[in-house]
Amino acid sequence: FANFAEIEVFDWTGDEFKEQLEYTDILINTTPLG
């Protein structure tokens, strides 16, 4: 998707991901968890 949008990748157990949640407009689960 590099030519279409800037995408940032975070480990969901890391502090950086947890901080980014505060600025998240949409959260999507694409895993089979649940």
PDB file of all heavy atoms in Angstrom:
ATOM      1  N   PHE A   1       0.798  -1.219   0.000  1.00  0.00           N
ATOM      2  CA  PHE A   1       0.000   0.000   0.000  1.00  0.00           C
ATOM      3  C   PHE A   1       0.835   1.277   0.000  1.00  0.00           C
ATOM      4  O   PHE A   1       0.289   2.374   0.100  1.00  0.00           O
ATOM      5  CB  PHE A   1      -0.959   0.002   1.199  1.00  0.00           C
ATOM      6  CG  PHE A   1      -2.144  -0.875   1.001  1.00  0.00           C
ATOM      7  CD1 PHE A   1      -2.104  -2.220   1.361  1.00  0.00           C
ATOM      8  CD2 PHE A   1      -3.307  -0.382   0.436  1.00  0.00           C
ATOM      9  CE1 PHE A   1      -3.189  -3.044   1.168  1.00  0.00           C
ATOM     10  CE2 PHE A   1      -4.400  -1.193   0.242  1.00  0.00           C
ATOM     11  CZ  PHE A   1      -4.348  -2.533   0.605  1.00  0.00           C
ATOM     12  N   ALA A   2       2.137   1.147  -0.125  1.00  0.00           N
ATOM     13  CA  ALA A   2       3.043   2.296  -0.044  1.00  0.00           C
ATOM     14  C   ALA A   2       2.703   3.399  -1.051  1.00  0.00           C
ATOM     15  O   ALA A   2       2.876   4.580  -0.758  1.00  0.00           O
ATOM     16  CB  ALA A   2       4.489   1.846  -0.213  1.00  0.00           C
ATOM     17  N   ASN A   3       2.199   3.043  -2.217  1.00  0.00           N
ATOM     18  CA  ASN A   3       1.856   4.043  -3.236  1.00  0.00           C
ATOM     19  C   ASN A   3       0.506   4.713  -2.992  1.00  0.00           C
ATOM     20  O   ASN A   3       0.169   5.683  -3.666  1.00  0.00           O
ATOM     21  CB  ASN A   3       1.859   3.409  -4.626  1.00  0.00           C
ATOM     22  CG  ASN A   3       3.237   2.995  -5.062  1.00  0.00           C
ATOM     23  OD1 ASN A   3       4.235   3.597  -4.674  1.00  0.00           O
ATOM     24  ND2 ASN A   3       3.321   1.942  -5.851  1.00  0.00           N
ATOM     25  N   PHE A   4      -0.272   4.200  -2.055  1.00  0.00           N
ATOM     26  CA  PHE A   4      -1.625   4.706  -1.827  1.00  0.00           C
ATOM     27  C   PHE A   4      -1.803   5.445  -0.510  1.00  0.00           C
ATOM     28  O   PHE A   4      -2.622   6.349  -0.407  1.00  0.00           O
ATOM     29  CB  PHE A   4      -2.633   3.552  -1.880  1.00  0.00           C
ATOM     30  CG  PHE A   4      -2.531   2.740  -3.127  1.00  0.00           C
ATOM     31  CD1 PHE A   4      -1.961   1.481  -3.104  1.00  0.00           C
ATOM     32  CD2 PHE A   4      -2.981   3.245  -4.337  1.00  0.00           C
ATOM     33  CE1 PHE A   4      -1.854   0.729  -4.260  1.00  0.00           C
ATOM     34  CE2 PHE A   4      -2.880   2.498  -5.497  1.00  0.00           C
ATOM     35  CZ  PHE A   4      -2.317   1.239  -5.460  1.00  0.00           C
ATOM     36  N   ALA A   5      -1.055   5.033   0.492  1.00  0.00           N
ATOM     37  CA  ALA A   5      -1.238   5.624   1.818  1.00  0.00           C
ATOM     38  C   ALA A   5      -0.001   5.375   2.675  1.00  0.00           C
ATOM     39  O   ALA A   5       0.759   4.436   2.433  1.00  0.00           O
ATOM     40  CB  ALA A   5      -2.457   5.010   2.503  1.00  0.00           C
ATOM     41  N   GLU A   6       0.146   6.226   3.665  1.00  0.00           N
ATOM     42  CA  GLU A   6       1.214   6.013   4.638  1.00  0.00           C
ATOM     43  C   GLU A   6       0.666   5.131   5.741  1.00  0.00           C
ATOM     44  O   GLU A   6      -0.334   5.469   6.382  1.00  0.00           O
ATOM     45  CB  GLU A   6       1.672   7.344   5.220  1.00  0.00           C
ATOM     46  CG  GLU A   6       2.823   7.202   6.173  1.00  0.00           C
ATOM     47  CD  GLU A   6       3.297   8.528   6.721  1.00  0.00           C
ATOM     48  OE1 GLU A   6       3.185   9.540   6.013  1.00  0.00           O
ATOM     49  OE2 GLU A   6       3.772   8.541   7.866  1.00  0.00           O
ATOM     50  N   ILE A   7       1.280   4.006   5.941  1.00  0.00           N
ATOM     51  CA  ILE A   7       0.821   3.051   6.938  1.00  0.00           C
ATOM     52  C   ILE A   7       1.908   2.874   7.982  1.00  0.00           C
ATOM     53  O   ILE A   7       3.077   2.689   7.647  1.00  0.00           O
ATOM     54  CB  ILE A   7       0.492   1.688   6.290  1.00  0.00           C
ATOM     55  CG1 ILE A   7      -0.668   1.848   5.314  1.00  0.00           C
ATOM     56  CG2 ILE A   7       0.182   0.645   7.346  1.00  0.00           C
ATOM     57  CD1 ILE A   7      -0.992   0.596   4.539  1.00  0.00           C
ATOM     58  N   GLU A   8       1.499   2.949   9.231  1.00  0.00           N
ATOM     59  CA  GLU A   8       2.427   2.696  10.325  1.00  0.00           C
ATOM     60  C   GLU A   8       2.093   1.340  10.925  1.00  0.00           C
ATOM     61  O   GLU A   8       0.922   0.984  11.058  1.00  0.00           O
ATOM     62  CB  GLU A   8       2.307   3.781  11.389  1.00  0.00           C
ATOM     63  CG  GLU A   8       2.725   5.154  10.886  1.00  0.00           C
ATOM     64  CD  GLU A   8       2.647   6.193  11.972  1.00  0.00           C
ATOM     65  OE1 GLU A   8       3.394   6.054  12.956  1.00  0.00           O
ATOM     66  OE2 GLU A   8       1.843   7.120  11.835  1.00  0.00           O
ATOM     67  N   VAL A   9       3.103   0.596  11.289  1.00  0.00           N
ATOM     68  CA  VAL A   9       2.931  -0.738  11.842  1.00  0.00           C
ATOM     69  C   VAL A   9       3.463  -0.744  13.273  1.00  0.00           C
ATOM     70  O   VAL A   9       4.578  -0.290  13.524  1.00  0.00           O
ATOM     71  CB  VAL A   9       3.686  -1.784  10.994  1.00  0.00           C
ATOM     72  CG1 VAL A   9       3.563  -3.169  11.604  1.00  0.00           C
ATOM     73  CG2 VAL A   9       3.166  -1.772   9.562  1.00  0.00           C
ATOM     74  N   PHE A  10       2.636  -1.250  14.192  1.00  0.00           N
ATOM     75  CA  PHE A  10       3.013  -1.320  15.604  1.00  0.00           C
ATOM     76  C   PHE A  10       2.705  -2.707  16.143  1.00  0.00           C
ATOM     77  O   PHE A  10       1.732  -3.335  15.744  1.00  0.00           O
ATOM     78  CB  PHE A  10       2.211  -0.312  16.445  1.00  0.00           C
ATOM     79  CG  PHE A  10       2.327   1.105  15.985  1.00  0.00           C
ATOM     80  CD1 PHE A  10       1.330   1.686  15.221  1.00  0.00           C
ATOM     81  CD2 PHE A  10       3.434   1.860  16.312  1.00  0.00           C
ATOM     82  CE1 PHE A  10       1.423   3.005  14.797  1.00  0.00           C
ATOM     83  CE2 PHE A  10       3.544   3.177  15.895  1.00  0.00           C
ATOM     84  CZ  PHE A  10       2.539   3.745  15.140  1.00  0.00           C
ATOM     85  N   ASP A  11       3.506  -3.152  17.079  1.00  0.00           N
ATOM     86  CA  ASP A  11       3.225  -4.383  17.807  1.00  0.00           C
ATOM     87  C   ASP A  11       2.137  -4.050  18.829  1.00  0.00           C
ATOM     88  O   ASP A  11       2.305  -3.139  19.650  1.00  0.00           O
ATOM     89  CB  ASP A  11       4.496  -4.852  18.515  1.00  0.00           C
ATOM     90  CG  ASP A  11       4.287  -6.135  19.292  1.00  0.00           C
ATOM     91  OD1 ASP A  11       3.174  -6.380  19.797  1.00  0.00           O
ATOM     92  OD2 ASP A  11       5.254  -6.907  19.405  1.00  0.00           O
ATOM     93  N   TRP A  12       1.047  -4.769  18.792  1.00  0.00           N
ATOM     94  CA  TRP A  12      -0.084  -4.399  19.643  1.00  0.00           C
ATOM     95  C   TRP A  12       0.161  -4.603  21.131  1.00  0.00           C
ATOM     96  O   TRP A  12      -0.633  -4.181  21.956  1.00  0.00           O
ATOM     97  CB  TRP A  12      -1.366  -5.067  19.206  1.00  0.00           C
ATOM     98  CG  TRP A  12      -1.415  -6.582  19.262  1.00  0.00           C
ATOM     99  CD1 TRP A  12      -0.543  -7.422  19.858  1.00  0.00           C
ATOM    100  CD2 TRP A  12      -2.416  -7.386  18.680  1.00  0.00           C
ATOM    101  NE1 TRP A  12      -0.926  -8.717  19.677  1.00  0.00           N
ATOM    102  CE2 TRP A  12      -2.085  -8.731  18.962  1.00  0.00           C
ATOM    103  CE3 TRP A  12      -3.563  -7.142  17.958  1.00  0.00           C
ATOM    104  CZ2 TRP A  12      -2.861  -9.802  18.545  1.00  0.00           C
ATOM    105  CZ3 TRP A  12      -4.327  -8.211  17.544  1.00  0.00           C
ATOM    106  CH2 TRP A  12      -3.989  -9.519  17.831  1.00  0.00           C
ATOM    107  N   THR A  13       1.276  -5.221  21.491  1.00  0.00           N
ATOM    108  CA  THR A  13       1.611  -5.348  22.918  1.00  0.00           C
ATOM    109  C   THR A  13       2.611  -4.276  23.355  1.00  0.00           C
ATOM    110  O   THR A  13       2.919  -4.173  24.539  1.00  0.00           O
ATOM    111  CB  THR A  13       2.204  -6.741  23.227  1.00  0.00           C
ATOM    112  OG1 THR A  13       3.404  -6.914  22.474  1.00  0.00           O
ATOM    113  CG2 THR A  13       1.211  -7.841  22.901  1.00  0.00           C
ATOM    114  N   GLY A  14       3.087  -3.470  22.404  1.00  0.00           N
ATOM    115  CA  GLY A  14       4.083  -2.458  22.717  1.00  0.00           C
ATOM    116  C   GLY A  14       3.489  -1.146  23.191  1.00  0.00           C
ATOM    117  O   GLY A  14       2.322  -0.843  22.949  1.00  0.00           O
ATOM    118  N   ASP A  15       4.297  -0.366  23.877  1.00  0.00           N
ATOM    119  CA  ASP A  15       3.853   0.924  24.405  1.00  0.00           C
ATOM    120  C   ASP A  15       3.467   1.898  23.297  1.00  0.00           C
ATOM    121  O   ASP A  15       2.522   2.669  23.449  1.00  0.00           O
ATOM    122  CB  ASP A  15       4.943   1.554  25.278  1.00  0.00           C
ATOM    123  CG  ASP A  15       5.139   0.795  26.583  1.00  0.00           C
ATOM    124  OD1 ASP A  15       4.190   0.108  27.026  1.00  0.00           O
ATOM    125  OD2 ASP A  15       6.243   0.889  27.156  1.00  0.00           O
ATOM    126  N   GLU A  16       4.178   1.867  22.177  1.00  0.00           N
ATOM    127  CA  GLU A  16       3.887   2.790  21.078  1.00  0.00           C
ATOM    128  C   GLU A  16       2.478   2.557  20.528  1.00  0.00           C
ATOM    129  O   GLU A  16       1.743   3.506  20.259  1.00  0.00           O
ATOM    130  CB  GLU A  16       4.923   2.629  19.964  1.00  0.00           C
ATOM    131  CG  GLU A  16       4.894   3.747  18.955  1.00  0.00           C
ATOM    132  CD  GLU A  16       6.034   3.644  17.960  1.00  0.00           C
ATOM    133  OE1 GLU A  16       6.585   2.552  17.754  1.00  0.00           O
ATOM    134  OE2 GLU A  16       6.368   4.690  17.379  1.00  0.00           O
ATOM    135  N   PHE A  17       2.080   1.298  20.407  1.00  0.00           N
ATOM    136  CA  PHE A  17       0.718   0.986  19.954  1.00  0.00           C
ATOM    137  C   PHE A  17      -0.304   1.523  20.949  1.00  0.00           C
ATOM    138  O   PHE A  17      -1.297   2.149  20.563  1.00  0.00           O
ATOM    139  CB  PHE A  17       0.543  -0.525  19.782  1.00  0.00           C
ATOM    140  CG  PHE A  17      -0.870  -0.926  19.432  1.00  0.00           C
ATOM    141  CD1 PHE A  17      -1.326  -0.832  18.131  1.00  0.00           C
ATOM    142  CD2 PHE A  17      -1.742  -1.390  20.408  1.00  0.00           C
ATOM    143  CE1 PHE A  17      -2.628  -1.194  17.802  1.00  0.00           C
ATOM    144  CE2 PHE A  17      -3.037  -1.742  20.099  1.00  0.00           C
ATOM    145  CZ  PHE A  17      -3.482  -1.652  18.790  1.00  0.00           C
ATOM    146  N   LYS A  18      -0.058   1.282  22.222  1.00  0.00           N
ATOM    147  CA  LYS A  18      -0.989   1.725  23.267  1.00  0.00           C
ATOM    148  C   LYS A  18      -1.143   3.243  23.243  1.00  0.00           C
ATOM    149  O   LYS A  18      -2.247   3.769  23.416  1.00  0.00           O
ATOM    150  CB  LYS A  18      -0.511   1.241  24.632  1.00  0.00           C
ATOM    151  CG  LYS A  18      -0.581  -0.273  24.766  1.00  0.00           C
ATOM    152  CD  LYS A  18       0.078  -0.771  26.036  1.00  0.00           C
ATOM    153  CE  LYS A  18       0.121  -2.289  26.041  1.00  0.00           C
ATOM    154  NZ  LYS A  18       0.867  -2.842  27.140  1.00  0.00           N
ATOM    155  N   GLU A  19      -0.071   3.956  22.985  1.00  0.00           N
ATOM    156  CA  GLU A  19      -0.137   5.425  22.883  1.00  0.00           C
ATOM    157  C   GLU A  19      -0.923   5.857  21.646  1.00  0.00           C
ATOM    158  O   GLU A  19      -1.683   6.817  21.691  1.00  0.00           O
ATOM    159  CB  GLU A  19       1.280   6.009  22.829  1.00  0.00           C
ATOM    160  CG  GLU A  19       2.042   5.867  24.127  1.00  0.00           C
ATOM    161  CD  GLU A  19       3.523   6.194  23.986  1.00  0.00           C
ATOM    162  OE1 GLU A  19       3.934   6.743  22.941  1.00  0.00           O
ATOM    163  OE2 GLU A  19       4.272   5.887  24.929  1.00  0.00           O
ATOM    164  N   GLN A  20      -0.758   5.148  20.545  1.00  0.00           N
ATOM    165  CA  GLN A  20      -1.444   5.494  19.295  1.00  0.00           C
ATOM    166  C   GLN A  20      -2.948   5.295  19.380  1.00  0.00           C
ATOM    167  O   GLN A  20      -3.703   5.936  18.655  1.00  0.00           O
ATOM    168  CB  GLN A  20      -0.878   4.689  18.125  1.00  0.00           C
ATOM    169  CG  GLN A  20       0.505   5.099  17.708  1.00  0.00           C
ATOM    170  CD  GLN A  20       0.544   6.539  17.219  1.00  0.00           C
ATOM    171  OE1 GLN A  20      -0.311   7.000  16.479  1.00  0.00           O
ATOM    172  NE2 GLN A  20       1.556   7.264  17.656  1.00  0.00           N
ATOM    173  N   LEU A  21      -3.403   4.416  20.269  1.00  0.00           N
ATOM    174  CA  LEU A  21      -4.846   4.196  20.411  1.00  0.00           C
ATOM    175  C   LEU A  21      -5.588   5.500  20.707  1.00  0.00           C
ATOM    176  O   LEU A  21      -6.718   5.682  20.271  1.00  0.00           O
ATOM    177  CB  LEU A  21      -5.132   3.171  21.515  1.00  0.00           C
ATOM    178  CG  LEU A  21      -4.888   1.717  21.152  1.00  0.00           C
ATOM    179  CD1 LEU A  21      -5.068   0.838  22.378  1.00  0.00           C
ATOM    180  CD2 LEU A  21      -5.792   1.264  20.027  1.00  0.00           C
ATOM    181  N   GLU A  22      -4.952   6.415  21.421  1.00  0.00           N
ATOM    182  CA  GLU A  22      -5.577   7.682  21.784  1.00  0.00           C
ATOM    183  C   GLU A  22      -5.874   8.555  20.571  1.00  0.00           C
ATOM    184  O   GLU A  22      -6.661   9.494  20.653  1.00  0.00           O
ATOM    185  CB  GLU A  22      -4.686   8.447  22.763  1.00  0.00           C
ATOM    186  CG  GLU A  22      -4.484   7.714  24.076  1.00  0.00           C
ATOM    187  CD  GLU A  22      -3.510   8.439  24.991  1.00  0.00           C
ATOM    188  OE1 GLU A  22      -3.284   9.660  24.823  1.00  0.00           O
ATOM    189  OE2 GLU A  22      -2.975   7.772  25.893  1.00  0.00           O
ATOM    190  N   TYR A  23      -5.257   8.256  19.426  1.00  0.00           N
ATOM    191  CA  TYR A  23      -5.420   9.046  18.202  1.00  0.00           C
ATOM    192  C   TYR A  23      -6.077   8.240  17.076  1.00  0.00           C
ATOM    193  O   TYR A  23      -6.045   8.646  15.923  1.00  0.00           O
ATOM    194  CB  TYR A  23      -4.053   9.555  17.721  1.00  0.00           C
ATOM    195  CG  TYR A  23      -3.295  10.242  18.811  1.00  0.00           C
ATOM    196  CD1 TYR A  23      -2.266   9.601  19.484  1.00  0.00           C
ATOM    197  CD2 TYR A  23      -3.633  11.534  19.205  1.00  0.00           C
ATOM    198  CE1 TYR A  23      -1.576  10.231  20.508  1.00  0.00           C
ATOM    199  CE2 TYR A  23      -2.949  12.167  20.234  1.00  0.00           C
ATOM    200  CZ  TYR A  23      -1.917  11.504  20.873  1.00  0.00           C
ATOM    201  OH  TYR A  23      -1.244  12.142  21.887  1.00  0.00           O
ATOM    202  N   THR A  24      -6.657   7.123  17.434  1.00  0.00           N
ATOM    203  CA  THR A  24      -7.199   6.194  16.439  1.00  0.00           C
ATOM    204  C   THR A  24      -8.666   6.491  16.155  1.00  0.00           C
ATOM    205  O   THR A  24      -9.482   6.538  17.066  1.00  0.00           O
ATOM    206  CB  THR A  24      -7.034   4.742  16.952  1.00  0.00           C
ATOM    207  OG1 THR A  24      -5.640   4.499  17.164  1.00  0.00           O
ATOM    208  CG2 THR A  24      -7.593   3.739  15.989  1.00  0.00           C
ATOM    209  N   ASP A  25      -8.987   6.677  14.876  1.00  0.00           N
ATOM    210  CA  ASP A  25     -10.374   6.929  14.471  1.00  0.00           C
ATOM    211  C   ASP A  25     -11.129   5.643  14.184  1.00  0.00           C
ATOM    212  O   ASP A  25     -12.342   5.584  14.331  1.00  0.00           O
ATOM    213  CB  ASP A  25     -10.423   7.811  13.220  1.00  0.00           C
ATOM    214  CG  ASP A  25      -9.868   9.192  13.472  1.00  0.00           C
ATOM    215  OD1 ASP A  25     -10.120   9.749  14.557  1.00  0.00           O
ATOM    216  OD2 ASP A  25      -9.172   9.721  12.587  1.00  0.00           O
ATOM    217  N   ILE A  26     -10.407   4.627  13.724  1.00  0.00           N
ATOM    218  CA  ILE A  26     -11.032   3.342  13.424  1.00  0.00           C
ATOM    219  C   ILE A  26     -10.087   2.225  13.839  1.00  0.00           C
ATOM    220  O   ILE A  26      -8.893   2.260  13.542  1.00  0.00           O
ATOM    221  CB  ILE A  26     -11.427   3.228  11.928  1.00  0.00           C
ATOM    222  CG1 ILE A  26     -12.107   1.887  11.651  1.00  0.00           C
ATOM    223  CG2 ILE A  26     -10.241   3.448  11.022  1.00  0.00           C
ATOM    224  CD1 ILE A  26     -12.760   1.790  10.284  1.00  0.00           C
ATOM    225  N   LEU A  27     -10.627   1.254  14.563  1.00  0.00           N
ATOM    226  CA  LEU A  27      -9.858   0.104  15.025  1.00  0.00           C
ATOM    227  C   LEU A  27     -10.484  -1.139  14.409  1.00  0.00           C
ATOM    228  O   LEU A  27     -11.678  -1.386  14.582  1.00  0.00           O
ATOM    229  CB  LEU A  27      -9.894   0.019  16.558  1.00  0.00           C
ATOM    230  CG  LEU A  27      -9.134  -1.130  17.201  1.00  0.00           C
ATOM    231  CD1 LEU A  27      -7.640  -1.054  16.896  1.00  0.00           C
ATOM    232  CD2 LEU A  27      -9.369  -1.137  18.710  1.00  0.00           C
ATOM    233  N   ILE A  28      -9.687  -1.897  13.670  1.00  0.00           N
ATOM    234  CA  ILE A  28     -10.203  -3.046  12.938  1.00  0.00           C
ATOM    235  C   ILE A  28      -9.489  -4.314  13.392  1.00  0.00           C
ATOM    236  O   ILE A  28      -8.261  -4.393  13.342  1.00  0.00           O
ATOM    237  CB  ILE A  28     -10.003  -2.873  11.422  1.00  0.00           C
ATOM    238  CG1 ILE A  28     -10.640  -1.571  10.948  1.00  0.00           C
ATOM    239  CG2 ILE A  28     -10.582  -4.073  10.666  1.00  0.00           C
ATOM    240  CD1 ILE A  28     -10.292  -1.197   9.522  1.00  0.00           C
ATOM    241  N   ASN A  29     -10.270  -5.306  13.799  1.00  0.00           N
ATOM    242  CA  ASN A  29      -9.718  -6.623  14.090  1.00  0.00           C
ATOM    243  C   ASN A  29      -9.828  -7.469  12.829  1.00  0.00           C
ATOM    244  O   ASN A  29     -10.922  -7.739  12.344  1.00  0.00           O
ATOM    245  CB  ASN A  29     -10.470  -7.314  15.227  1.00  0.00           C
ATOM    246  CG  ASN A  29      -9.951  -8.725  15.452  1.00  0.00           C
ATOM    247  OD1 ASN A  29      -8.766  -8.996  15.310  1.00  0.00           O
ATOM    248  ND2 ASN A  29     -10.846  -9.631  15.797  1.00  0.00           N
ATOM    249  N   THR A  30      -8.677  -7.892  12.300  1.00  0.00           N
ATOM    250  CA  THR A  30      -8.664  -8.762  11.126  1.00  0.00           C
ATOM    251  C   THR A  30      -8.108 -10.141  11.472  1.00  0.00           C
ATOM    252  O   THR A  30      -7.775 -10.910  10.588  1.00  0.00           O
ATOM    253  CB  THR A  30      -7.825  -8.149   9.984  1.00  0.00           C
ATOM    254  OG1 THR A  30      -6.479  -8.011  10.436  1.00  0.00           O
ATOM    255  CG2 THR A  30      -8.379  -6.798   9.567  1.00  0.00           C
ATOM    256  N   THR A  31      -8.018 -10.433  12.766  1.00  0.00           N
ATOM    257  CA  THR A  31      -7.528 -11.738  13.212  1.00  0.00           C
ATOM    258  C   THR A  31      -8.727 -12.648  13.464  1.00  0.00           C
ATOM    259  O   THR A  31      -9.859 -12.182  13.585  1.00  0.00           O
ATOM    260  CB  THR A  31      -6.725 -11.614  14.522  1.00  0.00           C
ATOM    261  OG1 THR A  31      -7.633 -11.382  15.611  1.00  0.00           O
ATOM    262  CG2 THR A  31      -5.684 -10.510  14.436  1.00  0.00           C
ATOM    263  N   PRO A  32      -8.497 -13.960  13.602  1.00  0.00           N
ATOM    264  CA  PRO A  32      -9.602 -14.862  13.948  1.00  0.00           C
ATOM    265  C   PRO A  32      -9.903 -14.903  15.448  1.00  0.00           C
ATOM    266  O   PRO A  32     -10.758 -15.666  15.883  1.00  0.00           O
ATOM    267  CB  PRO A  32      -9.102 -16.221  13.444  1.00  0.00           C
ATOM    268  CG  PRO A  32      -7.625 -16.130  13.529  1.00  0.00           C
ATOM    269  CD  PRO A  32      -7.279 -14.686  13.224  1.00  0.00           C
ATOM    270  N   LEU A  33      -9.219 -14.062  16.236  1.00  0.00           N
ATOM    271  CA  LEU A  33      -9.456 -14.063  17.686  1.00  0.00           C
ATOM    272  C   LEU A  33     -10.900 -13.661  17.986  1.00  0.00           C
ATOM    273  O   LEU A  33     -11.345 -12.577  17.627  1.00  0.00           O
ATOM    274  CB  LEU A  33      -8.495 -13.101  18.392  1.00  0.00           C
ATOM    275  CG  LEU A  33      -7.023 -13.460  18.313  1.00  0.00           C
ATOM    276  CD1 LEU A  33      -6.173 -12.371  18.941  1.00  0.00           C
ATOM    277  CD2 LEU A  33      -6.760 -14.797  18.978  1.00  0.00           C
ATOM    278  N   GLY A  34     -11.639 -14.561  18.615  1.00  0.00           N
ATOM    279  CA  GLY A  34     -13.036 -14.311  18.957  1.00  0.00           C
ATOM    280  C   GLY A  34     -14.024 -15.018  18.057  1.00  0.00           C
ATOM    281  O   GLY A  34     -15.215 -15.035  18.315  1.00  0.00           O
TER     282      GLY A  34
END
